[in-house]
Amino acid sequence: MKNSIRELRKEKKYRQEDLATALGVTRQTINAIENDKYDPTLLLAFKLANILGTTVDELFEPDPTTFK
C-alpha cells in the first residue's frame, strides 16, 4: 500500500523518532510503514492521519492489484 507519510512527516518537521513516540511504536515501525514493508492497523492508520493533519484516505493509496 502506497502512502505519503514520509512527505507529510517532513513537511511537519517531524523525525521518525518523534512520530514513533507520539504513536507509541518504534522508529523501525515508522520506517517500515514509510517504505511499504508494513501495513499499519486501522487504529494506527487513524492515529497517523490525525497527527499528520490529514485523512486515512489521503494518507494511504491501496495497491489496485489487491482488488483483482
PDB file of N, CA and C in Angstrom:
ATOM      1  N   MET A   1       0.843  -1.159   0.000  1.00  0.00           N
ATOM      2  CA  MET A   1       0.000   0.000   0.000  1.00  0.00           C
ATOM      3  C   MET A   1       0.899   1.235   0.000  1.00  0.00           C
ATOM      4  N   LYS A   2       0.714   2.087  -0.963  1.00  0.00           N
ATOM      5  CA  LYS A   2       1.489   3.322  -1.051  1.00  0.00           C
ATOM      6  C   LYS A   2       0.975   4.315  -0.015  1.00  0.00           C
ATOM      7  N   ASN A   3       1.887   5.167   0.465  1.00  0.00           N
ATOM      8  CA  ASN A   3       1.470   6.184   1.427  1.00  0.00           C
ATOM      9  C   ASN A   3       2.307   7.442   1.276  1.00  0.00           C
ATOM     10  N   SER A   4       1.823   8.503   1.866  1.00  0.00           N
ATOM     11  CA  SER A   4       2.526   9.788   1.805  1.00  0.00           C
ATOM     12  C   SER A   4       3.031  10.217   3.171  1.00  0.00           C
ATOM     13  N   ILE A   5       3.281   9.247   4.030  1.00  0.00           N
ATOM     14  CA  ILE A   5       3.708   9.551   5.406  1.00  0.00           C
ATOM     15  C   ILE A   5       5.032  10.303   5.422  1.00  0.00           C
ATOM     16  N   ARG A   6       6.013   9.827   4.686  1.00  0.00           N
ATOM     17  CA  ARG A   6       7.333  10.462   4.708  1.00  0.00           C
ATOM     18  C   ARG A   6       7.237  11.941   4.313  1.00  0.00           C
ATOM     19  N   GLU A   7       6.520  12.225   3.236  1.00  0.00           N
ATOM     20  CA  GLU A   7       6.403  13.602   2.760  1.00  0.00           C
ATOM     21  C   GLU A   7       5.707  14.494   3.785  1.00  0.00           C
ATOM     22  N   LEU A   8       4.600  14.014   4.332  1.00  0.00           N
ATOM     23  CA  LEU A   8       3.869  14.809   5.324  1.00  0.00           C
ATOM     24  C   LEU A   8       4.671  14.974   6.606  1.00  0.00           C
ATOM     25  N   ARG A   9       5.378  13.916   7.006  1.00  0.00           N
ATOM     26  CA  ARG A   9       6.200  13.982   8.217  1.00  0.00           C
ATOM     27  C   ARG A   9       7.280  15.049   8.062  1.00  0.00           C
ATOM     28  N   LYS A  10       7.923  15.068   6.894  1.00  0.00           N
ATOM     29  CA  LYS A  10       8.981  16.050   6.650  1.00  0.00           C
ATOM     30  C   LYS A  10       8.418  17.471   6.571  1.00  0.00           C
ATOM     31  N   GLU A  11       7.230  17.629   5.979  1.00  0.00           N
ATOM     32  CA  GLU A  11       6.583  18.948   5.932  1.00  0.00           C
ATOM     33  C   GLU A  11       6.348  19.489   7.339  1.00  0.00           C
ATOM     34  N   LYS A  12       5.973  18.596   8.251  1.00  0.00           N
ATOM     35  CA  LYS A  12       5.695  18.988   9.631  1.00  0.00           C
ATOM     36  C   LYS A  12       6.963  19.037  10.479  1.00  0.00           C
ATOM     37  N   LYS A  13       8.109  18.707   9.852  1.00  0.00           N
ATOM     38  CA  LYS A  13       9.414  18.715  10.516  1.00  0.00           C
ATOM     39  C   LYS A  13       9.492  17.725  11.689  1.00  0.00           C
ATOM     40  N   TYR A  14       8.817  16.589  11.517  1.00  0.00           N
ATOM     41  CA  TYR A  14       8.910  15.503  12.488  1.00  0.00           C
ATOM     42  C   TYR A  14      10.009  14.549  12.057  1.00  0.00           C
ATOM     43  N   ARG A  15      10.744  14.044  13.019  1.00  0.00           N
ATOM     44  CA  ARG A  15      11.664  12.939  12.750  1.00  0.00           C
ATOM     45  C   ARG A  15      10.865  11.645  12.910  1.00  0.00           C
ATOM     46  N   GLN A  16      11.396  10.564  12.378  1.00  0.00           N
ATOM     47  CA  GLN A  16      10.718   9.279  12.567  1.00  0.00           C
ATOM     48  C   GLN A  16      10.560   8.993  14.059  1.00  0.00           C
ATOM     49  N   GLU A  17      11.575   9.338  14.837  1.00  0.00           N
ATOM     50  CA  GLU A  17      11.529   9.108  16.286  1.00  0.00           C
ATOM     51  C   GLU A  17      10.392   9.888  16.938  1.00  0.00           C
ATOM     52  N   ASP A  18      10.184  11.138  16.481  1.00  0.00           N
ATOM     53  CA  ASP A  18       9.106  11.963  17.047  1.00  0.00           C
ATOM     54  C   ASP A  18       7.744  11.333  16.784  1.00  0.00           C
ATOM     55  N   LEU A  19       7.545  10.913  15.554  1.00  0.00           N
ATOM     56  CA  LEU A  19       6.277  10.304  15.170  1.00  0.00           C
ATOM     57  C   LEU A  19       6.067   8.985  15.914  1.00  0.00           C
ATOM     58  N   ALA A  20       7.113   8.199  16.017  1.00  0.00           N
ATOM     59  CA  ALA A  20       7.030   6.919  16.726  1.00  0.00           C
ATOM     60  C   ALA A  20       6.646   7.117  18.190  1.00  0.00           C
ATOM     61  N   THR A  21       7.279   8.085  18.835  1.00  0.00           N
ATOM     62  CA  THR A  21       6.970   8.363  20.242  1.00  0.00           C
ATOM     63  C   THR A  21       5.519   8.796  20.406  1.00  0.00           C
ATOM     64  N   ALA A  22       5.057   9.674  19.534  1.00  0.00           N
ATOM     65  CA  ALA A  22       3.676  10.157  19.608  1.00  0.00           C
ATOM     66  C   ALA A  22       2.670   9.029  19.412  1.00  0.00           C
ATOM     67  N   LEU A  23       3.059   8.020  18.643  1.00  0.00           N
ATOM     68  CA  LEU A  23       2.155   6.911  18.335  1.00  0.00           C
ATOM     69  C   LEU A  23       2.332   5.705  19.256  1.00  0.00           C
ATOM     70  N   GLY A  24       3.405   5.705  20.040  1.00  0.00           N
ATOM     71  CA  GLY A  24       3.667   4.569  20.927  1.00  0.00           C
ATOM     72  C   GLY A  24       4.188   3.350  20.191  1.00  0.00           C
ATOM     73  N   VAL A  25       4.925   3.584  19.107  1.00  0.00           N
ATOM     74  CA  VAL A  25       5.552   2.488  18.349  1.00  0.00           C
ATOM     75  C   VAL A  25       7.047   2.776  18.225  1.00  0.00           C
ATOM     76  N   THR A  26       7.760   1.883  17.595  1.00  0.00           N
ATOM     77  CA  THR A  26       9.196   2.092  17.421  1.00  0.00           C
ATOM     78  C   THR A  26       9.482   2.874  16.140  1.00  0.00           C
ATOM     79  N   ARG A  27      10.676   3.446  16.077  1.00  0.00           N
ATOM     80  CA  ARG A  27      11.102   4.144  14.868  1.00  0.00           C
ATOM     81  C   ARG A  27      11.146   3.170  13.707  1.00  0.00           C
ATOM     82  N   GLN A  28      11.509   1.925  13.983  1.00  0.00           N
ATOM     83  CA  GLN A  28      11.568   0.907  12.935  1.00  0.00           C
ATOM     84  C   GLN A  28      10.194   0.652  12.334  1.00  0.00           C
ATOM     85  N   THR A  29       9.153   0.750  13.133  1.00  0.00           N
ATOM     86  CA  THR A  29       7.793   0.582  12.624  1.00  0.00           C
ATOM     87  C   THR A  29       7.459   1.702  11.651  1.00  0.00           C
ATOM     88  N   ILE A  30       7.794   2.929  12.020  1.00  0.00           N
ATOM     89  CA  ILE A  30       7.542   4.072  11.129  1.00  0.00           C
ATOM     90  C   ILE A  30       8.322   3.900   9.835  1.00  0.00           C
ATOM     91  N   ASN A  31       9.572   3.490   9.951  1.00  0.00           N
ATOM     92  CA  ASN A  31      10.407   3.265   8.766  1.00  0.00           C
ATOM     93  C   ASN A  31       9.789   2.195   7.861  1.00  0.00           C
ATOM     94  N   ALA A  32       9.330   1.109   8.443  1.00  0.00           N
ATOM     95  CA  ALA A  32       8.731   0.021   7.659  1.00  0.00           C
ATOM     96  C   ALA A  32       7.450   0.477   6.965  1.00  0.00           C
ATOM     97  N   ILE A  33       6.634   1.268   7.641  1.00  0.00           N
ATOM     98  CA  ILE A  33       5.408   1.772   7.026  1.00  0.00           C
ATOM     99  C   ILE A  33       5.750   2.709   5.874  1.00  0.00           C
ATOM    100  N   GLU A  34       6.690   3.622   6.098  1.00  0.00           N
ATOM    101  CA  GLU A  34       7.080   4.572   5.051  1.00  0.00           C
ATOM    102  C   GLU A  34       7.634   3.875   3.815  1.00  0.00           C
ATOM    103  N   ASN A  35       8.294   2.747   4.018  1.00  0.00           N
ATOM    104  CA  ASN A  35       8.906   2.007   2.914  1.00  0.00           C
ATOM    105  C   ASN A  35       8.023   0.884   2.372  1.00  0.00           C
ATOM    106  N   ASP A  36       6.743   0.932   2.703  1.00  0.00           N
ATOM    107  CA  ASP A  36       5.757  -0.034   2.194  1.00  0.00           C
ATOM    108  C   ASP A  36       6.110  -1.480   2.533  1.00  0.00           C
ATOM    109  N   LYS A  37       6.743  -1.675   3.681  1.00  0.00           N
ATOM    110  CA  LYS A  37       7.078  -3.031   4.119  1.00  0.00           C
ATOM    111  C   LYS A  37       6.128  -3.523   5.209  1.00  0.00           C
ATOM    112  N   TYR A  38       5.285  -2.628   5.687  1.00  0.00           N
ATOM    113  CA  TYR A  38       4.356  -2.976   6.760  1.00  0.00           C
ATOM    114  C   TYR A  38       3.111  -2.111   6.621  1.00  0.00           C
ATOM    115  N   ASP A  39       1.944  -2.737   6.649  1.00  0.00           N
ATOM    116  CA  ASP A  39       0.682  -2.007   6.631  1.00  0.00           C
ATOM    117  C   ASP A  39       0.214  -1.844   8.074  1.00  0.00           C
ATOM    118  N   PRO A  40      -0.032  -0.609   8.497  1.00  0.00           N
ATOM    119  CA  PRO A  40      -0.446  -0.389   9.882  1.00  0.00           C
ATOM    120  C   PRO A  40      -1.854  -0.904  10.138  1.00  0.00           C
ATOM    121  N   THR A  41      -2.141  -1.124  11.409  1.00  0.00           N
ATOM    122  CA  THR A  41      -3.505  -1.471  11.790  1.00  0.00           C
ATOM    123  C   THR A  41      -4.403  -0.276  11.491  1.00  0.00           C
ATOM    124  N   LEU A  42      -5.687  -0.493  11.474  1.00  0.00           N
ATOM    125  CA  LEU A  42      -6.628   0.585  11.220  1.00  0.00           C
ATOM    126  C   LEU A  42      -6.503   1.676  12.283  1.00  0.00           C
ATOM    127  N   LEU A  43      -6.367   1.281  13.543  1.00  0.00           N
ATOM    128  CA  LEU A  43      -6.215   2.254  14.623  1.00  0.00           C
ATOM    129  C   LEU A  43      -4.953   3.087  14.433  1.00  0.00           C
ATOM    130  N   LEU A  44      -3.845   2.455  14.091  1.00  0.00           N
ATOM    131  CA  LEU A  44      -2.595   3.182  13.872  1.00  0.00           C
ATOM    132  C   LEU A  44      -2.712   4.103  12.656  1.00  0.00           C
ATOM    133  N   ALA A  45      -3.397   3.669  11.626  1.00  0.00           N
ATOM    134  CA  ALA A  45      -3.594   4.497  10.439  1.00  0.00           C
ATOM    135  C   ALA A  45      -4.379   5.763  10.796  1.00  0.00           C
ATOM    136  N   PHE A  46      -5.416   5.621  11.614  1.00  0.00           N
ATOM    137  CA  PHE A  46      -6.185   6.793  12.033  1.00  0.00           C
ATOM    138  C   PHE A  46      -5.350   7.732  12.899  1.00  0.00           C
ATOM    139  N   LYS A  47      -4.540   7.156  13.780  1.00  0.00           N
ATOM    140  CA  LYS A  47      -3.666   7.982  14.618  1.00  0.00           C
ATOM    141  C   LYS A  47      -2.652   8.734  13.763  1.00  0.00           C
ATOM    142  N   LEU A  48      -2.059   8.050  12.795  1.00  0.00           N
ATOM    143  CA  LEU A  48      -1.105   8.693  11.883  1.00  0.00           C
ATOM    144  C   LEU A  48      -1.756   9.851  11.144  1.00  0.00           C
ATOM    145  N   ALA A  49      -2.924   9.611  10.601  1.00  0.00           N
ATOM    146  CA  ALA A  49      -3.632  10.646   9.858  1.00  0.00           C
ATOM    147  C   ALA A  49      -3.936  11.837  10.756  1.00  0.00           C
ATOM    148  N   ASN A  50      -4.361  11.585  11.962  1.00  0.00           N
ATOM    149  CA  ASN A  50      -4.681  12.658  12.900  1.00  0.00           C
ATOM    150  C   ASN A  50      -3.447  13.502  13.216  1.00  0.00           C
ATOM    151  N   ILE A  51      -2.348  12.869  13.536  1.00  0.00           N
ATOM    152  CA  ILE A  51      -1.112  13.587  13.864  1.00  0.00           C
ATOM    153  C   ILE A  51      -0.599  14.381  12.674  1.00  0.00           C
ATOM    154  N   LEU A  52      -0.733  13.817  11.483  1.00  0.00           N
ATOM    155  CA  LEU A  52      -0.217  14.481  10.288  1.00  0.00           C
ATOM    156  C   LEU A  52      -1.232  15.450   9.671  1.00  0.00           C
ATOM    157  N   GLY A  53      -2.390  15.572  10.277  1.00  0.00           N
ATOM    158  CA  GLY A  53      -3.376  16.549   9.836  1.00  0.00           C
ATOM    159  C   GLY A  53      -4.031  16.224   8.506  1.00  0.00           C
ATOM    160  N   THR A  54      -4.339  14.957   8.305  1.00  0.00           N
ATOM    161  CA  THR A  54      -4.962  14.533   7.059  1.00  0.00           C
ATOM    162  C   THR A  54      -5.967  13.429   7.355  1.00  0.00           C
ATOM    163  N   THR A  55      -6.460  12.789   6.319  1.00  0.00           N
ATOM    164  CA  THR A  55      -7.380  11.659   6.493  1.00  0.00           C
ATOM    165  C   THR A  55      -6.672  10.370   6.085  1.00  0.00           C
ATOM    166  N   VAL A  56      -7.216   9.269   6.516  1.00  0.00           N
ATOM    167  CA  VAL A  56      -6.657   7.967   6.134  1.00  0.00           C
ATOM    168  C   VAL A  56      -6.705   7.803   4.622  1.00  0.00           C
ATOM    169  N   ASP A  57      -7.822   8.237   4.011  1.00  0.00           N
ATOM    170  CA  ASP A  57      -7.965   8.137   2.551  1.00  0.00           C
ATOM    171  C   ASP A  57      -6.869   8.893   1.819  1.00  0.00           C
ATOM    172  N   GLU A  58      -6.509  10.046   2.334  1.00  0.00           N
ATOM    173  CA  GLU A  58      -5.471  10.842   1.681  1.00  0.00           C
ATOM    174  C   GLU A  58      -4.070  10.333   2.007  1.00  0.00           C
ATOM    175  N   LEU A  59      -3.918   9.689   3.144  1.00  0.00           N
ATOM    176  CA  LEU A  59      -2.610   9.209   3.588  1.00  0.00           C
ATOM    177  C   LEU A  59      -2.188   7.925   2.884  1.00  0.00           C
ATOM    178  N   PHE A  60      -3.149   7.049   2.615  1.00  0.00           N
ATOM    179  CA  PHE A  60      -2.850   5.741   2.036  1.00  0.00           C
ATOM    180  C   PHE A  60      -3.534   5.555   0.693  1.00  0.00           C
ATOM    181  N   GLU A  61      -2.825   4.922  -0.220  1.00  0.00           N
ATOM    182  CA  GLU A  61      -3.375   4.587  -1.536  1.00  0.00           C
ATOM    183  C   GLU A  61      -3.216   3.077  -1.726  1.00  0.00           C
ATOM    184  N   PRO A  62      -4.327   2.354  -1.757  1.00  0.00           N
ATOM    185  CA  PRO A  62      -4.227   0.898  -1.899  1.00  0.00           C
ATOM    186  C   PRO A  62      -3.645   0.479  -3.243  1.00  0.00           C
ATOM    187  N   ASP A  63      -2.998  -0.651  -3.245  1.00  0.00           N
ATOM    188  CA  ASP A  63      -2.449  -1.240  -4.463  1.00  0.00           C
ATOM    189  C   ASP A  63      -3.619  -1.832  -5.249  1.00  0.00           C
ATOM    190  N   PRO A  64      -3.879  -1.355  -6.461  1.00  0.00           N
ATOM    191  CA  PRO A  64      -5.042  -1.842  -7.213  1.00  0.00           C
ATOM    192  C   PRO A  64      -5.001  -3.326  -7.517  1.00  0.00           C
ATOM    193  N   THR A  65      -3.836  -3.934  -7.520  1.00  0.00           N
ATOM    194  CA  THR A  65      -3.749  -5.369  -7.816  1.00  0.00           C
ATOM    195  C   THR A  65      -4.327  -6.224  -6.695  1.00  0.00           C
ATOM    196  N   THR A  66      -4.479  -5.662  -5.501  1.00  0.00           N
ATOM    197  CA  THR A  66      -5.038  -6.440  -4.395  1.00  0.00           C
ATOM    198  C   THR A  66      -6.548  -6.605  -4.524  1.00  0.00           C
ATOM    199  N   PHE A  67      -7.171  -5.872  -5.443  1.00  0.00           N
ATOM    200  CA  PHE A  67      -8.630  -5.964  -5.608  1.00  0.00           C
ATOM    201  C   PHE A  67      -9.021  -6.890  -6.753  1.00  0.00           C
ATOM    202  N   LYS A  68      -8.052  -7.533  -7.384  1.00  0.00           N
ATOM    203  CA  LYS A  68      -8.360  -8.421  -8.521  1.00  0.00           C
ATOM    204  C   LYS A  68      -8.612  -9.819  -8.056  1.00  0.00           C
TER     205      LYS A  68
END
